[in-house]
mmCIF file of all heavy atoms, coordinates in Angstrom:
data_MODEL
# 
_entry.id   MODEL 
# 
loop_
_atom_site.group_PDB 
_atom_site.id 
_atom_site.type_symbol 
_atom_site.label_atom_id 
_atom_site.label_alt_id 
_atom_site.label_comp_id 
_atom_site.label_asym_id 
_atom_site.label_entity_id 
_atom_site.label_seq_id 
_atom_site.pdbx_PDB_ins_code 
_atom_site.Cartn_x 
_atom_site.Cartn_y 
_atom_site.Cartn_z 
_atom_site.occupancy 
_atom_site.B_iso_or_equiv 
_atom_site.pdbx_formal_charge 
_atom_site.auth_seq_id 
_atom_site.auth_comp_id 
_atom_site.auth_asym_id 
_atom_site.auth_atom_id 
_atom_site.pdbx_PDB_model_num 
ATOM 1   N N   . PRO A 1 1  ? 0.826  -1.290  0.033   1.00 0.00 ? 1  PRO A N   1 
ATOM 2   C CA  . PRO A 1 1  ? 0.005  -0.004  0.025   1.00 0.00 ? 1  PRO A CA  1 
ATOM 3   C C   . PRO A 1 1  ? 0.831  1.275   0.040   1.00 0.00 ? 1  PRO A C   1 
ATOM 4   O O   . PRO A 1 1  ? 0.406  2.292   -0.536  1.00 0.00 ? 1  PRO A O   1 
ATOM 5   C CB  . PRO A 1 1  ? -0.813 -0.079  1.330   1.00 0.00 ? 1  PRO A CB  1 
ATOM 6   C CG  . PRO A 1 1  ? -0.820 -1.592  1.616   1.00 0.00 ? 1  PRO A CG  1 
ATOM 7   C CD  . PRO A 1 1  ? 0.490  -2.096  1.211   1.00 0.00 ? 1  PRO A CD  1 
ATOM 8   N N   . LYS A 1 2  ? 2.020  1.223   0.645   1.00 0.00 ? 2  LYS A N   1 
ATOM 9   C CA  . LYS A 1 2  ? 2.855  2.423   0.674   1.00 0.00 ? 2  LYS A CA  1 
ATOM 10  C C   . LYS A 1 2  ? 4.268  2.044   0.071   1.00 0.00 ? 2  LYS A C   1 
ATOM 11  O O   . LYS A 1 2  ? 5.029  1.387   0.718   1.00 0.00 ? 2  LYS A O   1 
ATOM 12  C CB  . LYS A 1 2  ? 3.066  2.862   2.154   1.00 0.00 ? 2  LYS A CB  1 
ATOM 13  C CG  . LYS A 1 2  ? 1.758  3.180   2.850   1.00 0.00 ? 2  LYS A CG  1 
ATOM 14  C CD  . LYS A 1 2  ? 1.926  3.572   4.331   1.00 0.00 ? 2  LYS A CD  1 
ATOM 15  C CE  . LYS A 1 2  ? 0.608  3.936   4.982   1.00 0.00 ? 2  LYS A CE  1 
ATOM 16  N NZ  . LYS A 1 2  ? 0.751  4.208   6.387   1.00 0.00 ? 2  LYS A NZ  1 
ATOM 17  N N   . GLY A 1 3  ? 4.386  2.528   -1.161  1.00 0.00 ? 3  GLY A N   1 
ATOM 18  C CA  . GLY A 1 3  ? 5.626  2.116   -1.863  1.00 0.00 ? 3  GLY A CA  1 
ATOM 19  C C   . GLY A 1 3  ? 6.031  3.241   -2.939  1.00 0.00 ? 3  GLY A C   1 
ATOM 20  O O   . GLY A 1 3  ? 5.214  4.022   -3.360  1.00 0.00 ? 3  GLY A O   1 
ATOM 21  N N   . SER A 1 4  ? 7.328  3.330   -3.197  1.00 0.00 ? 4  SER A N   1 
ATOM 22  C CA  . SER A 1 4  ? 7.803  4.193   -4.188  1.00 0.00 ? 4  SER A CA  1 
ATOM 23  C C   . SER A 1 4  ? 8.414  3.387   -5.313  1.00 0.00 ? 4  SER A C   1 
ATOM 24  O O   . SER A 1 4  ? 9.098  2.334   -5.072  1.00 0.00 ? 4  SER A O   1 
ATOM 25  C CB  . SER A 1 4  ? 8.811  5.117   -3.574  1.00 0.00 ? 4  SER A CB  1 
ATOM 26  O OG  . SER A 1 4  ? 8.307  5.911   -2.584  1.00 0.00 ? 4  SER A OG  1 
ATOM 27  N N   . ALA A 1 5  ? 8.219  3.835   -6.570  1.00 0.00 ? 5  ALA A N   1 
ATOM 28  C CA  . ALA A 1 5  ? 8.848  3.232   -7.675  1.00 0.00 ? 5  ALA A CA  1 
ATOM 29  C C   . ALA A 1 5  ? 9.206  4.193   -8.678  1.00 0.00 ? 5  ALA A C   1 
ATOM 30  O O   . ALA A 1 5  ? 8.619  5.356   -8.772  1.00 0.00 ? 5  ALA A O   1 
ATOM 31  C CB  . ALA A 1 5  ? 7.867  2.251   -8.307  1.00 0.00 ? 5  ALA A CB  1 
ATOM 32  N N   . LYS A 1 6  ? 10.289 3.938   -9.535  1.00 0.00 ? 6  LYS A N   1 
ATOM 33  C CA  . LYS A 1 6  ? 10.819 4.798   -10.579 1.00 0.00 ? 6  LYS A CA  1 
ATOM 34  C C   . LYS A 1 6  ? 11.016 3.948   -11.842 1.00 0.00 ? 6  LYS A C   1 
ATOM 35  O O   . LYS A 1 6  ? 11.148 2.836   -11.809 1.00 0.00 ? 6  LYS A O   1 
ATOM 36  C CB  . LYS A 1 6  ? 12.110 5.458   -10.124 1.00 0.00 ? 6  LYS A CB  1 
ATOM 37  C CG  . LYS A 1 6  ? 13.270 4.603   -9.962  1.00 0.00 ? 6  LYS A CG  1 
ATOM 38  C CD  . LYS A 1 6  ? 14.491 5.352   -9.537  1.00 0.00 ? 6  LYS A CD  1 
ATOM 39  C CE  . LYS A 1 6  ? 15.672 4.395   -9.335  1.00 0.00 ? 6  LYS A CE  1 
ATOM 40  N NZ  . LYS A 1 6  ? 16.881 4.970   -8.929  1.00 0.00 ? 6  LYS A NZ  1 
ATOM 41  N N   . LEU A 1 7  ? 10.892 4.704   -13.017 1.00 0.00 ? 7  LEU A N   1 
ATOM 42  C CA  . LEU A 1 7  ? 11.272 3.984   -14.205 1.00 0.00 ? 7  LEU A CA  1 
ATOM 43  C C   . LEU A 1 7  ? 12.598 3.386   -14.189 1.00 0.00 ? 7  LEU A C   1 
ATOM 44  O O   . LEU A 1 7  ? 13.553 3.987   -13.701 1.00 0.00 ? 7  LEU A O   1 
ATOM 45  C CB  . LEU A 1 7  ? 11.082 4.976   -15.366 1.00 0.00 ? 7  LEU A CB  1 
ATOM 46  C CG  . LEU A 1 7  ? 9.628  5.393   -15.772 1.00 0.00 ? 7  LEU A CG  1 
ATOM 47  C CD1 . LEU A 1 7  ? 9.721  6.587   -16.774 1.00 0.00 ? 7  LEU A CD1 1 
ATOM 48  C CD2 . LEU A 1 7  ? 8.864  4.221   -16.367 1.00 0.00 ? 7  LEU A CD2 1 
ATOM 49  N N   . MET A 1 8  ? 12.651 2.100   -14.689 1.00 0.00 ? 8  MET A N   1 
ATOM 50  C CA  . MET A 1 8  ? 13.960 1.410   -14.665 1.00 0.00 ? 8  MET A CA  1 
ATOM 51  C C   . MET A 1 8  ? 14.443 1.249   -16.148 1.00 0.00 ? 8  MET A C   1 
ATOM 52  O O   . MET A 1 8  ? 13.850 0.475   -16.902 1.00 0.00 ? 8  MET A O   1 
ATOM 53  C CB  . MET A 1 8  ? 13.748 -0.006  -14.081 1.00 0.00 ? 8  MET A CB  1 
ATOM 54  C CG  . MET A 1 8  ? 15.012 -0.722  -13.776 1.00 0.00 ? 8  MET A CG  1 
ATOM 55  S SD  . MET A 1 8  ? 14.574 -2.293  -12.957 1.00 0.00 ? 8  MET A SD  1 
ATOM 56  C CE  . MET A 1 8  ? 16.304 -2.790  -12.477 1.00 0.00 ? 8  MET A CE  1 
ATOM 57  N N   . ASN A 1 9  ? 15.444 1.982   -16.526 1.00 0.00 ? 9  ASN A N   1 
ATOM 58  C CA  . ASN A 1 9  ? 15.930 2.148   -17.837 1.00 0.00 ? 9  ASN A CA  1 
ATOM 59  C C   . ASN A 1 9  ? 16.949 0.942   -18.180 1.00 0.00 ? 9  ASN A C   1 
ATOM 60  O O   . ASN A 1 9  ? 16.893 0.328   -19.198 1.00 0.00 ? 9  ASN A O   1 
ATOM 61  C CB  . ASN A 1 9  ? 16.553 3.414   -18.207 1.00 0.00 ? 9  ASN A CB  1 
ATOM 62  C CG  . ASN A 1 9  ? 15.509 4.508   -18.130 1.00 0.00 ? 9  ASN A CG  1 
ATOM 63  O OD1 . ASN A 1 9  ? 14.409 4.465   -18.707 1.00 0.00 ? 9  ASN A OD1 1 
ATOM 64  N ND2 . ASN A 1 9  ? 15.888 5.594   -17.485 1.00 0.00 ? 9  ASN A ND2 1 
ATOM 65  N N   . ASP A 1 10 ? 17.748 0.607   -17.194 1.00 0.00 ? 10 ASP A N   1 
ATOM 66  C CA  . ASP A 1 10 ? 18.731 -0.500  -17.359 1.00 0.00 ? 10 ASP A CA  1 
ATOM 67  C C   . ASP A 1 10 ? 18.262 -1.728  -16.725 1.00 0.00 ? 10 ASP A C   1 
ATOM 68  O O   . ASP A 1 10 ? 18.176 -1.813  -15.507 1.00 0.00 ? 10 ASP A O   1 
ATOM 69  C CB  . ASP A 1 10 ? 20.119 -0.018  -16.639 1.00 0.00 ? 10 ASP A CB  1 
ATOM 70  C CG  . ASP A 1 10 ? 21.239 -1.075  -16.936 1.00 0.00 ? 10 ASP A CG  1 
ATOM 71  O OD1 . ASP A 1 10 ? 20.986 -2.069  -17.605 1.00 0.00 ? 10 ASP A OD1 1 
ATOM 72  O OD2 . ASP A 1 10 ? 22.229 -0.898  -16.351 1.00 0.00 ? 10 ASP A OD2 1 
ATOM 73  N N   . THR A 1 11 ? 17.882 -2.670  -17.650 1.00 0.00 ? 11 THR A N   1 
ATOM 74  C CA  . THR A 1 11 ? 17.239 -3.883  -17.098 1.00 0.00 ? 11 THR A CA  1 
ATOM 75  C C   . THR A 1 11 ? 18.168 -5.079  -17.422 1.00 0.00 ? 11 THR A C   1 
ATOM 76  O O   . THR A 1 11 ? 17.708 -6.132  -17.309 1.00 0.00 ? 11 THR A O   1 
ATOM 77  C CB  . THR A 1 11 ? 15.926 -4.083  -17.679 1.00 0.00 ? 11 THR A CB  1 
ATOM 78  O OG1 . THR A 1 11 ? 16.156 -4.231  -19.206 1.00 0.00 ? 11 THR A OG1 1 
ATOM 79  C CG2 . THR A 1 11 ? 14.881 -3.054  -17.355 1.00 0.00 ? 11 THR A CG2 1 
ATOM 80  N N   . SER A 1 12 ? 19.498 -4.781  -17.644 1.00 0.00 ? 12 SER A N   1 
ATOM 81  C CA  . SER A 1 12 ? 20.401 -5.863  -18.034 1.00 0.00 ? 12 SER A CA  1 
ATOM 82  C C   . SER A 1 12 ? 20.635 -6.865  -16.977 1.00 0.00 ? 12 SER A C   1 
ATOM 83  O O   . SER A 1 12 ? 20.996 -8.018  -17.140 1.00 0.00 ? 12 SER A O   1 
ATOM 84  C CB  . SER A 1 12 ? 21.741 -5.309  -18.516 1.00 0.00 ? 12 SER A CB  1 
ATOM 85  O OG  . SER A 1 12 ? 22.371 -4.529  -17.448 1.00 0.00 ? 12 SER A OG  1 
ATOM 86  N N   . ALA A 1 13 ? 20.501 -6.529  -15.638 1.00 0.00 ? 13 ALA A N   1 
ATOM 87  C CA  . ALA A 1 13 ? 20.758 -7.400  -14.562 1.00 0.00 ? 13 ALA A CA  1 
ATOM 88  C C   . ALA A 1 13 ? 19.446 -8.230  -14.249 1.00 0.00 ? 13 ALA A C   1 
ATOM 89  O O   . ALA A 1 13 ? 19.602 -9.143  -13.403 1.00 0.00 ? 13 ALA A O   1 
ATOM 90  C CB  . ALA A 1 13 ? 21.139 -6.555  -13.309 1.00 0.00 ? 13 ALA A CB  1 
ATOM 91  N N   . LEU A 1 14 ? 18.385 -8.131  -14.847 1.00 0.00 ? 14 LEU A N   1 
ATOM 92  C CA  . LEU A 1 14 ? 17.150 -8.789  -14.539 1.00 0.00 ? 14 LEU A CA  1 
ATOM 93  C C   . LEU A 1 14 ? 17.220 -10.148 -15.246 1.00 0.00 ? 14 LEU A C   1 
ATOM 94  O O   . LEU A 1 14 ? 17.575 -10.222 -16.395 1.00 0.00 ? 14 LEU A O   1 
ATOM 95  C CB  . LEU A 1 14 ? 15.907 -8.023  -14.934 1.00 0.00 ? 14 LEU A CB  1 
ATOM 96  C CG  . LEU A 1 14 ? 15.822 -6.587  -14.276 1.00 0.00 ? 14 LEU A CG  1 
ATOM 97  C CD1 . LEU A 1 14 ? 14.475 -5.950  -14.799 1.00 0.00 ? 14 LEU A CD1 1 
ATOM 98  C CD2 . LEU A 1 14 ? 15.889 -6.669  -12.813 1.00 0.00 ? 14 LEU A CD2 1 
ATOM 99  N N   . ARG A 1 15 ? 16.718 -11.160 -14.570 1.00 0.00 ? 15 ARG A N   1 
ATOM 100 C CA  . ARG A 1 15 ? 16.684 -12.588 -15.042 1.00 0.00 ? 15 ARG A CA  1 
ATOM 101 C C   . ARG A 1 15 ? 15.372 -13.139 -14.722 1.00 0.00 ? 15 ARG A C   1 
ATOM 102 O O   . ARG A 1 15 ? 15.182 -13.930 -13.780 1.00 0.00 ? 15 ARG A O   1 
ATOM 103 C CB  . ARG A 1 15 ? 17.830 -13.386 -14.447 1.00 0.00 ? 15 ARG A CB  1 
ATOM 104 C CG  . ARG A 1 15 ? 19.234 -12.882 -14.688 1.00 0.00 ? 15 ARG A CG  1 
ATOM 105 C CD  . ARG A 1 15 ? 19.678 -13.096 -16.094 1.00 0.00 ? 15 ARG A CD  1 
ATOM 106 N NE  . ARG A 1 15 ? 21.094 -12.680 -16.365 1.00 0.00 ? 15 ARG A NE  1 
ATOM 107 C CZ  . ARG A 1 15 ? 21.469 -11.421 -16.684 1.00 0.00 ? 15 ARG A CZ  1 
ATOM 108 N NH1 . ARG A 1 15 ? 20.506 -10.520 -16.946 1.00 0.00 ? 15 ARG A NH1 1 
ATOM 109 N NH2 . ARG A 1 15 ? 22.677 -11.170 -16.888 1.00 0.00 ? 15 ARG A NH2 1 
ATOM 110 N N   . PHE A 1 16 ? 14.299 -12.838 -15.584 1.00 0.00 ? 16 PHE A N   1 
ATOM 111 C CA  . PHE A 1 16 ? 13.048 -13.380 -15.418 1.00 0.00 ? 16 PHE A CA  1 
ATOM 112 C C   . PHE A 1 16 ? 12.549 -13.959 -16.775 1.00 0.00 ? 16 PHE A C   1 
ATOM 113 O O   . PHE A 1 16 ? 12.951 -13.587 -17.803 1.00 0.00 ? 16 PHE A O   1 
ATOM 114 C CB  . PHE A 1 16 ? 12.011 -12.264 -14.976 1.00 0.00 ? 16 PHE A CB  1 
ATOM 115 C CG  . PHE A 1 16 ? 12.392 -11.663 -13.708 1.00 0.00 ? 16 PHE A CG  1 
ATOM 116 C CD1 . PHE A 1 16 ? 13.058 -10.389 -13.635 1.00 0.00 ? 16 PHE A CD1 1 
ATOM 117 C CD2 . PHE A 1 16 ? 12.076 -12.340 -12.459 1.00 0.00 ? 16 PHE A CD2 1 
ATOM 118 C CE1 . PHE A 1 16 ? 13.352 -9.846  -12.413 1.00 0.00 ? 16 PHE A CE1 1 
ATOM 119 C CE2 . PHE A 1 16 ? 12.430 -11.777 -11.292 1.00 0.00 ? 16 PHE A CE2 1 
ATOM 120 C CZ  . PHE A 1 16 ? 13.101 -10.561 -11.228 1.00 0.00 ? 16 PHE A CZ  1 
ATOM 121 N N   . LYS A 1 17 ? 11.724 -15.029 -16.656 1.00 0.00 ? 17 LYS A N   1 
ATOM 122 C CA  . LYS A 1 17 ? 11.215 -15.667 -17.863 1.00 0.00 ? 17 LYS A CA  1 
ATOM 123 C C   . LYS A 1 17 ? 10.345 -14.761 -18.752 1.00 0.00 ? 17 LYS A C   1 
ATOM 124 O O   . LYS A 1 17 ? 10.452 -14.851 -19.919 1.00 0.00 ? 17 LYS A O   1 
ATOM 125 C CB  . LYS A 1 17 ? 10.411 -16.945 -17.505 1.00 0.00 ? 17 LYS A CB  1 
ATOM 126 C CG  . LYS A 1 17 ? 11.287 -18.034 -16.810 1.00 0.00 ? 17 LYS A CG  1 
ATOM 127 C CD  . LYS A 1 17 ? 10.382 -19.253 -16.427 1.00 0.00 ? 17 LYS A CD  1 
ATOM 128 C CE  . LYS A 1 17 ? 11.147 -20.331 -15.748 1.00 0.00 ? 17 LYS A CE  1 
ATOM 129 N NZ  . LYS A 1 17 ? 10.303 -21.487 -15.364 1.00 0.00 ? 17 LYS A NZ  1 
ATOM 130 N N   . ASP A 1 18 ? 9.521  -13.895 -17.963 1.00 0.00 ? 18 ASP A N   1 
ATOM 131 C CA  . ASP A 1 18 ? 8.675  -13.051 -18.757 1.00 0.00 ? 18 ASP A CA  1 
ATOM 132 C C   . ASP A 1 18 ? 9.403  -11.720 -19.087 1.00 0.00 ? 18 ASP A C   1 
ATOM 133 O O   . ASP A 1 18 ? 10.275 -11.230 -18.386 1.00 0.00 ? 18 ASP A O   1 
ATOM 134 C CB  . ASP A 1 18 ? 7.459  -12.727 -17.941 1.00 0.00 ? 18 ASP A CB  1 
ATOM 135 C CG  . ASP A 1 18 ? 6.561  -14.003 -17.770 1.00 0.00 ? 18 ASP A CG  1 
ATOM 136 O OD1 . ASP A 1 18 ? 5.958  -14.327 -18.722 1.00 0.00 ? 18 ASP A OD1 1 
ATOM 137 O OD2 . ASP A 1 18 ? 6.611  -14.513 -16.625 1.00 0.00 ? 18 ASP A OD2 1 
ATOM 138 N N   . SER A 1 19 ? 8.958  -11.102 -20.189 1.00 0.00 ? 19 SER A N   1 
ATOM 139 C CA  . SER A 1 19 ? 9.472  -9.890  -20.662 1.00 0.00 ? 19 SER A CA  1 
ATOM 140 C C   . SER A 1 19 ? 8.320  -8.759  -20.697 1.00 0.00 ? 19 SER A C   1 
ATOM 141 O O   . SER A 1 19 ? 7.695  -8.605  -21.707 1.00 0.00 ? 19 SER A O   1 
ATOM 142 C CB  . SER A 1 19 ? 10.051 -10.035 -22.102 1.00 0.00 ? 19 SER A CB  1 
ATOM 143 O OG  . SER A 1 19 ? 11.176 -10.976 -22.024 1.00 0.00 ? 19 SER A OG  1 
ATOM 144 N N   . PRO A 1 20 ? 8.222  -8.015  -19.619 1.00 0.00 ? 20 PRO A N   1 
ATOM 145 C CA  . PRO A 1 20 ? 7.140  -7.059  -19.464 1.00 0.00 ? 20 PRO A CA  1 
ATOM 146 C C   . PRO A 1 20 ? 7.355  -6.004  -20.532 1.00 0.00 ? 20 PRO A C   1 
ATOM 147 O O   . PRO A 1 20 ? 8.430  -5.779  -21.054 1.00 0.00 ? 20 PRO A O   1 
ATOM 148 C CB  . PRO A 1 20 ? 7.208  -6.607  -18.118 1.00 0.00 ? 20 PRO A CB  1 
ATOM 149 C CG  . PRO A 1 20 ? 7.957  -7.569  -17.357 1.00 0.00 ? 20 PRO A CG  1 
ATOM 150 C CD  . PRO A 1 20 ? 8.951  -8.223  -18.375 1.00 0.00 ? 20 PRO A CD  1 
ATOM 151 N N   . SER A 1 21 ? 6.289  -5.360  -20.882 1.00 0.00 ? 21 SER A N   1 
ATOM 152 C CA  . SER A 1 21 ? 6.342  -4.125  -21.776 1.00 0.00 ? 21 SER A CA  1 
ATOM 153 C C   . SER A 1 21 ? 7.019  -2.956  -21.087 1.00 0.00 ? 21 SER A C   1 
ATOM 154 O O   . SER A 1 21 ? 7.563  -1.987  -21.853 1.00 0.00 ? 21 SER A O   1 
ATOM 155 C CB  . SER A 1 21 ? 4.956  -3.687  -22.221 1.00 0.00 ? 21 SER A CB  1 
ATOM 156 O OG  . SER A 1 21 ? 4.189  -3.400  -21.098 1.00 0.00 ? 21 SER A OG  1 
ATOM 157 N N   . GLY A 1 22 ? 7.178  -2.967  -19.739 1.00 0.00 ? 22 GLY A N   1 
ATOM 158 C CA  . GLY A 1 22 ? 7.829  -1.860  -19.061 1.00 0.00 ? 22 GLY A CA  1 
ATOM 159 C C   . GLY A 1 22 ? 8.292  -2.344  -17.700 1.00 0.00 ? 22 GLY A C   1 
ATOM 160 O O   . GLY A 1 22 ? 7.716  -3.207  -17.113 1.00 0.00 ? 22 GLY A O   1 
ATOM 161 N N   . TRP A 1 23 ? 9.340  -1.733  -17.220 1.00 0.00 ? 23 TRP A N   1 
ATOM 162 C CA  . TRP A 1 23 ? 9.897  -2.054  -15.862 1.00 0.00 ? 23 TRP A CA  1 
ATOM 163 C C   . TRP A 1 23 ? 9.951  -0.789  -15.042 1.00 0.00 ? 23 TRP A C   1 
ATOM 164 O O   . TRP A 1 23 ? 10.334 0.288   -15.504 1.00 0.00 ? 23 TRP A O   1 
ATOM 165 C CB  . TRP A 1 23 ? 11.316 -2.592  -16.071 1.00 0.00 ? 23 TRP A CB  1 
ATOM 166 C CG  . TRP A 1 23 ? 11.423 -4.063  -16.442 1.00 0.00 ? 23 TRP A CG  1 
ATOM 167 C CD1 . TRP A 1 23 ? 11.834 -4.614  -17.606 1.00 0.00 ? 23 TRP A CD1 1 
ATOM 168 C CD2 . TRP A 1 23 ? 11.157 -5.175  -15.562 1.00 0.00 ? 23 TRP A CD2 1 
ATOM 169 N NE1 . TRP A 1 23 ? 11.701 -5.988  -17.616 1.00 0.00 ? 23 TRP A NE1 1 
ATOM 170 C CE2 . TRP A 1 23 ? 11.341 -6.343  -16.328 1.00 0.00 ? 23 TRP A CE2 1 
ATOM 171 C CE3 . TRP A 1 23 ? 10.820 -5.289  -14.279 1.00 0.00 ? 23 TRP A CE3 1 
ATOM 172 C CZ2 . TRP A 1 23 ? 11.223 -7.580  -15.822 1.00 0.00 ? 23 TRP A CZ2 1 
ATOM 173 C CZ3 . TRP A 1 23 ? 10.620 -6.606  -13.654 1.00 0.00 ? 23 TRP A CZ3 1 
ATOM 174 C CH2 . TRP A 1 23 ? 10.885 -7.708  -14.532 1.00 0.00 ? 23 TRP A CH2 1 
ATOM 175 N N   . TYR A 1 24 ? 9.621  -0.959  -13.773 1.00 0.00 ? 24 TYR A N   1 
ATOM 176 C CA  . TYR A 1 24 ? 9.860  0.059   -12.758 1.00 0.00 ? 24 TYR A CA  1 
ATOM 177 C C   . TYR A 1 24 ? 10.737 -0.630  -11.659 1.00 0.00 ? 24 TYR A C   1 
ATOM 178 O O   . TYR A 1 24 ? 10.751 -1.790  -11.552 1.00 0.00 ? 24 TYR A O   1 
ATOM 179 C CB  . TYR A 1 24 ? 8.485  0.498   -12.024 1.00 0.00 ? 24 TYR A CB  1 
ATOM 180 C CG  . TYR A 1 24 ? 7.605  1.176   -13.048 1.00 0.00 ? 24 TYR A CG  1 
ATOM 181 C CD1 . TYR A 1 24 ? 6.738  0.618   -13.850 1.00 0.00 ? 24 TYR A CD1 1 
ATOM 182 C CD2 . TYR A 1 24 ? 7.617  2.626   -13.144 1.00 0.00 ? 24 TYR A CD2 1 
ATOM 183 C CE1 . TYR A 1 24 ? 5.879  1.199   -14.768 1.00 0.00 ? 24 TYR A CE1 1 
ATOM 184 C CE2 . TYR A 1 24 ? 6.702  3.307   -13.993 1.00 0.00 ? 24 TYR A CE2 1 
ATOM 185 C CZ  . TYR A 1 24 ? 5.895  2.559   -14.801 1.00 0.00 ? 24 TYR A CZ  1 
ATOM 186 O OH  . TYR A 1 24 ? 5.030  3.198   -15.713 1.00 0.00 ? 24 TYR A OH  1 
ATOM 187 N N   . GLU A 1 25 ? 11.394 0.271   -10.891 1.00 0.00 ? 25 GLU A N   1 
ATOM 188 C CA  . GLU A 1 25 ? 12.141 -0.236  -9.672  1.00 0.00 ? 25 GLU A CA  1 
ATOM 189 C C   . GLU A 1 25 ? 11.556 0.221   -8.492  1.00 0.00 ? 25 GLU A C   1 
ATOM 190 O O   . GLU A 1 25 ? 11.313 1.470   -8.271  1.00 0.00 ? 25 GLU A O   1 
ATOM 191 C CB  . GLU A 1 25 ? 13.636 0.148   -9.864  1.00 0.00 ? 25 GLU A CB  1 
ATOM 192 C CG  . GLU A 1 25 ? 14.435 -0.440  -8.659  1.00 0.00 ? 25 GLU A CG  1 
ATOM 193 C CD  . GLU A 1 25 ? 15.945 -0.143  -8.929  1.00 0.00 ? 25 GLU A CD  1 
ATOM 194 O OE1 . GLU A 1 25 ? 16.324 0.626   -9.677  1.00 0.00 ? 25 GLU A OE1 1 
ATOM 195 O OE2 . GLU A 1 25 ? 16.753 -0.698  -8.152  1.00 0.00 ? 25 GLU A OE2 1 
# 
């Protein structure tokens, strides 16, 4: 309920099966 997120431009370190249309951190 209480969280902060920002646009994540560098996603090279991410290792997930799915490839979302956008990433936030």
